Structure formats: C-alpha cells, structure tokens
C-alpha cells in the first residue's frame, strides 16, 4: 500500500480560515483512503491538543513528527495555498531532496501511483 503525505497550509489569520484548511486537508486524506492509499494528515495534529498532554505539545514537536512522515512517504499531495505556508514549503523541499514525487492534483496522483501498483 502506497503511503501518501498530505501537505498544505494549516494556520491562518483567522480561525474560520484555519478550520477550512483543516477540513480541506482531511477531505483530501479521506478521498485517498477510499482510493486505497495509506495517508498521513498533519491536519489531524490539532486533535493531540485535546489530550492530557496537549499543553506540552509544541509546534516544534508537531513539525518534527510531520517531517519524519515526509521522509518515509511514497508521494506527497500538496493542497492549494502552499505558497503562503512556510511549513509546507519545507516539507516539499525535503521531499524533493529525497526524490519523493510531489503532486498538486489528487487525480493525477491516484492515476500514477495506482499504475505503479499495477492498477486498482
């Protein structure tokens, strides 16, 4: 099963936009799950804040965790708005360094990564 990292902006100037970003990331992850991929969605990181340890979880911890997943994925899907996200740009740079394919179109990702697996 191919592992896909979902990258894109999370934070925003206002909470409405931030939640819209989170929704977009999780929708992309859900669609890829339905297409037979394993996904890592950093858009779910905020749920860790609702644990007993939430107040101790820093942005640096979350970013380190995400980057570890970038390093072991088979491909990355980048969502719109990445141009304004420093975190997404660092993730993309790491993926490029490691030779991990980066996609901006989920349909293209599904088509090409499914072909690699021998079709669906």
C-alpha atoms as a PDB file:
ATOM      1  CA  UNK A   1       0.000   0.000   0.000  1.00  0.00           C
ATOM      2  CA  UNK A   2       1.462   3.353  -1.063  1.00  0.00           C
ATOM      3  CA  UNK A   3       1.924   5.945   1.700  1.00  0.00           C
ATOM      4  CA  UNK A   4       0.840   9.486   0.856  1.00  0.00           C
ATOM      5  CA  UNK A   5       1.698  12.587   2.856  1.00  0.00           C
ATOM      6  CA  UNK A   6      -0.882  15.384   2.639  1.00  0.00           C
ATOM      7  CA  UNK A   7       0.776  18.819   2.736  1.00  0.00           C
ATOM      8  CA  UNK A   8      -0.779  22.257   2.772  1.00  0.00           C
ATOM      9  CA  UNK A   9      -1.458  25.326   4.856  1.00  0.00           C
ATOM     10  CA  UNK A  10      -2.987  24.830   8.268  1.00  0.00           C
ATOM     11  CA  UNK A  11      -2.612  28.085  10.199  1.00  0.00           C
ATOM     12  CA  UNK A  12      -4.336  31.238   9.029  1.00  0.00           C
ATOM     13  CA  UNK A  13      -5.082  34.804  10.061  1.00  0.00           C
ATOM     14  CA  UNK A  14      -8.463  33.798  11.448  1.00  0.00           C
ATOM     15  CA  UNK A  15      -9.974  30.638  12.913  1.00  0.00           C
ATOM     16  CA  UNK A  16     -12.566  30.249  10.149  1.00  0.00           C
ATOM     17  CA  UNK A  17      -9.833  30.005   7.505  1.00  0.00           C
ATOM     18  CA  UNK A  18      -7.765  27.707   9.729  1.00  0.00           C
ATOM     19  CA  UNK A  19     -10.684  25.302  10.131  1.00  0.00           C
ATOM     20  CA  UNK A  20     -11.343  25.478   6.374  1.00  0.00           C
ATOM     21  CA  UNK A  21      -7.702  24.486   5.787  1.00  0.00           C
ATOM     22  CA  UNK A  22      -8.027  21.584   8.228  1.00  0.00           C
ATOM     23  CA  UNK A  23     -11.245  20.449   6.536  1.00  0.00           C
ATOM     24  CA  UNK A  24      -9.602  20.556   3.090  1.00  0.00           C
ATOM     25  CA  UNK A  25      -6.649  18.504   4.327  1.00  0.00           C
ATOM     26  CA  UNK A  26      -8.798  15.891   5.991  1.00  0.00           C
ATOM     27  CA  UNK A  27     -11.119  15.627   2.982  1.00  0.00           C
ATOM     28  CA  UNK A  28      -8.113  15.000   0.738  1.00  0.00           C
ATOM     29  CA  UNK A  29      -6.883  12.343   3.171  1.00  0.00           C
ATOM     30  CA  UNK A  30     -10.280  10.639   3.286  1.00  0.00           C
ATOM     31  CA  UNK A  31     -10.544  10.541  -0.504  1.00  0.00           C
ATOM     32  CA  UNK A  32      -7.094   8.964  -0.799  1.00  0.00           C
ATOM     33  CA  UNK A  33      -8.041   6.388   1.844  1.00  0.00           C
ATOM     34  CA  UNK A  34     -11.050   5.449  -0.289  1.00  0.00           C
ATOM     35  CA  UNK A  35      -8.693   5.085  -3.257  1.00  0.00           C
ATOM     36  CA  UNK A  36      -6.656   2.500  -1.365  1.00  0.00           C
ATOM     37  CA  UNK A  37      -3.739   4.575  -0.079  1.00  0.00           C
ATOM     38  CA  UNK A  38      -2.334   4.896   3.430  1.00  0.00           C
ATOM     39  CA  UNK A  39      -2.246   8.569   4.366  1.00  0.00           C
ATOM     40  CA  UNK A  40      -0.584  10.822   6.900  1.00  0.00           C
ATOM     41  CA  UNK A  41      -2.522  14.019   7.521  1.00  0.00           C
ATOM     42  CA  UNK A  42      -0.849  16.666   9.690  1.00  0.00           C
ATOM     43  CA  UNK A  43      -4.252  18.344   9.584  1.00  0.00           C
ATOM     44  CA  UNK A  44      -5.215  15.967  12.395  1.00  0.00           C
ATOM     45  CA  UNK A  45      -2.426  17.235  14.660  1.00  0.00           C
ATOM     46  CA  UNK A  46      -4.739  19.673  16.404  1.00  0.00           C
ATOM     47  CA  UNK A  47      -6.587  16.730  17.972  1.00  0.00           C
ATOM     48  CA  UNK A  48      -3.480  15.991  20.037  1.00  0.00           C
ATOM     49  CA  UNK A  49      -4.052  19.282  21.827  1.00  0.00           C
ATOM     50  CA  UNK A  50      -7.188  17.791  23.374  1.00  0.00           C
ATOM     51  CA  UNK A  51      -5.239  15.110  25.241  1.00  0.00           C
ATOM     52  CA  UNK A  52      -3.918  15.317  28.787  1.00  0.00           C
ATOM     53  CA  UNK A  53      -0.551  16.196  27.222  1.00  0.00           C
ATOM     54  CA  UNK A  54      -1.862  18.879  24.868  1.00  0.00           C
ATOM     55  CA  UNK A  55      -0.406  21.823  26.746  1.00  0.00           C
ATOM     56  CA  UNK A  56       3.078  20.268  26.463  1.00  0.00           C
ATOM     57  CA  UNK A  57       2.934  19.669  22.704  1.00  0.00           C
ATOM     58  CA  UNK A  58       4.831  22.403  20.893  1.00  0.00           C
ATOM     59  CA  UNK A  59       4.787  23.442  17.268  1.00  0.00           C
ATOM     60  CA  UNK A  60       8.378  22.160  17.001  1.00  0.00           C
ATOM     61  CA  UNK A  61       7.292  18.701  18.222  1.00  0.00           C
ATOM     62  CA  UNK A  62       4.469  18.576  15.673  1.00  0.00           C
ATOM     63  CA  UNK A  63       6.708  19.784  12.846  1.00  0.00           C
ATOM     64  CA  UNK A  64       9.356  17.201  13.725  1.00  0.00           C
ATOM     65  CA  UNK A  65       6.751  14.453  13.725  1.00  0.00           C
ATOM     66  CA  UNK A  66       5.420  15.580  10.352  1.00  0.00           C
ATOM     67  CA  UNK A  67       8.872  15.737   8.792  1.00  0.00           C
ATOM     68  CA  UNK A  68       9.589  12.173   9.927  1.00  0.00           C
ATOM     69  CA  UNK A  69       6.497  11.081   7.973  1.00  0.00           C
ATOM     70  CA  UNK A  70       7.567  13.090   4.927  1.00  0.00           C
ATOM     71  CA  UNK A  71      10.802  11.112   4.937  1.00  0.00           C
ATOM     72  CA  UNK A  72       9.061   7.739   4.652  1.00  0.00           C
ATOM     73  CA  UNK A  73       6.193   8.523   2.280  1.00  0.00           C
ATOM     74  CA  UNK A  74       5.944   7.271  -1.294  1.00  0.00           C
ATOM     75  CA  UNK A  75       4.450  10.528  -2.571  1.00  0.00           C
ATOM     76  CA  UNK A  76       3.215  13.905  -1.378  1.00  0.00           C
ATOM     77  CA  UNK A  77      -0.038  15.621  -2.264  1.00  0.00           C
ATOM     78  CA  UNK A  78       0.214  19.400  -1.910  1.00  0.00           C
ATOM     79  CA  UNK A  79      -3.003  21.351  -1.431  1.00  0.00           C
ATOM     80  CA  UNK A  80      -3.794  24.851  -2.693  1.00  0.00           C
ATOM     81  CA  UNK A  81      -2.398  27.716  -0.658  1.00  0.00           C
ATOM     82  CA  UNK A  82       1.005  26.076  -0.172  1.00  0.00           C
ATOM     83  CA  UNK A  83       2.694  29.207  -1.490  1.00  0.00           C
ATOM     84  CA  UNK A  84       1.911  31.023   1.760  1.00  0.00           C
ATOM     85  CA  UNK A  85       2.872  28.156   4.078  1.00  0.00           C
ATOM     86  CA  UNK A  86       6.480  28.020   5.234  1.00  0.00           C
ATOM     87  CA  UNK A  87       5.903  24.591   6.765  1.00  0.00           C
ATOM     88  CA  UNK A  88       4.575  23.177   3.511  1.00  0.00           C
ATOM     89  CA  UNK A  89       7.492  24.661   1.596  1.00  0.00           C
ATOM     90  CA  UNK A  90       9.969  22.982   3.975  1.00  0.00           C
ATOM     91  CA  UNK A  91       8.128  19.672   3.592  1.00  0.00           C
ATOM     92  CA  UNK A  92       8.238  19.995  -0.188  1.00  0.00           C
ATOM     93  CA  UNK A  93      11.943  20.824  -0.134  1.00  0.00           C
ATOM     94  CA  UNK A  94      12.656  17.721   1.967  1.00  0.00           C
ATOM     95  CA  UNK A  95      10.574  15.558  -0.387  1.00  0.00           C
ATOM     96  CA  UNK A  96      12.471  16.945  -3.395  1.00  0.00           C
ATOM     97  CA  UNK A  97      15.798  16.240  -1.685  1.00  0.00           C
ATOM     98  CA  UNK A  98      14.731  12.632  -1.102  1.00  0.00           C
ATOM     99  CA  UNK A  99      13.345  12.180  -4.632  1.00  0.00           C
ATOM    100  CA  UNK A 100       9.772  11.747  -3.401  1.00  0.00           C
ATOM    101  CA  UNK A 101       7.195  12.597  -6.097  1.00  0.00           C
ATOM    102  CA  UNK A 102       5.137  15.709  -5.378  1.00  0.00           C
ATOM    103  CA  UNK A 103       1.632  16.058  -6.787  1.00  0.00           C
ATOM    104  CA  UNK A 104      -0.678  19.066  -6.852  1.00  0.00           C
ATOM    105  CA  UNK A 105      -3.562  17.206  -8.492  1.00  0.00           C
ATOM    106  CA  UNK A 106      -5.103  14.335  -6.499  1.00  0.00           C
ATOM    107  CA  UNK A 107      -6.492  12.690  -9.643  1.00  0.00           C
ATOM    108  CA  UNK A 108      -3.039  12.590 -11.214  1.00  0.00           C
ATOM    109  CA  UNK A 109      -1.586  11.149  -8.002  1.00  0.00           C
ATOM    110  CA  UNK A 110      -4.222   8.411  -7.896  1.00  0.00           C
ATOM    111  CA  UNK A 111      -3.760   7.583 -11.558  1.00  0.00           C
ATOM    112  CA  UNK A 112       0.051   7.448 -11.498  1.00  0.00           C
ATOM    113  CA  UNK A 113       0.506   5.839  -8.099  1.00  0.00           C
ATOM    114  CA  UNK A 114      -2.184   3.223  -8.861  1.00  0.00           C
ATOM    115  CA  UNK A 115      -0.436   2.378 -12.143  1.00  0.00           C
ATOM    116  CA  UNK A 116       2.778   1.854 -10.188  1.00  0.00           C
ATOM    117  CA  UNK A 117       0.952  -0.659  -8.020  1.00  0.00           C
ATOM    118  CA  UNK A 118      -0.288  -2.497 -11.096  1.00  0.00           C
ATOM    119  CA  UNK A 119      -3.706  -0.850 -11.297  1.00  0.00           C
ATOM    120  CA  UNK A 120      -6.635  -0.976  -8.951  1.00  0.00           C
END
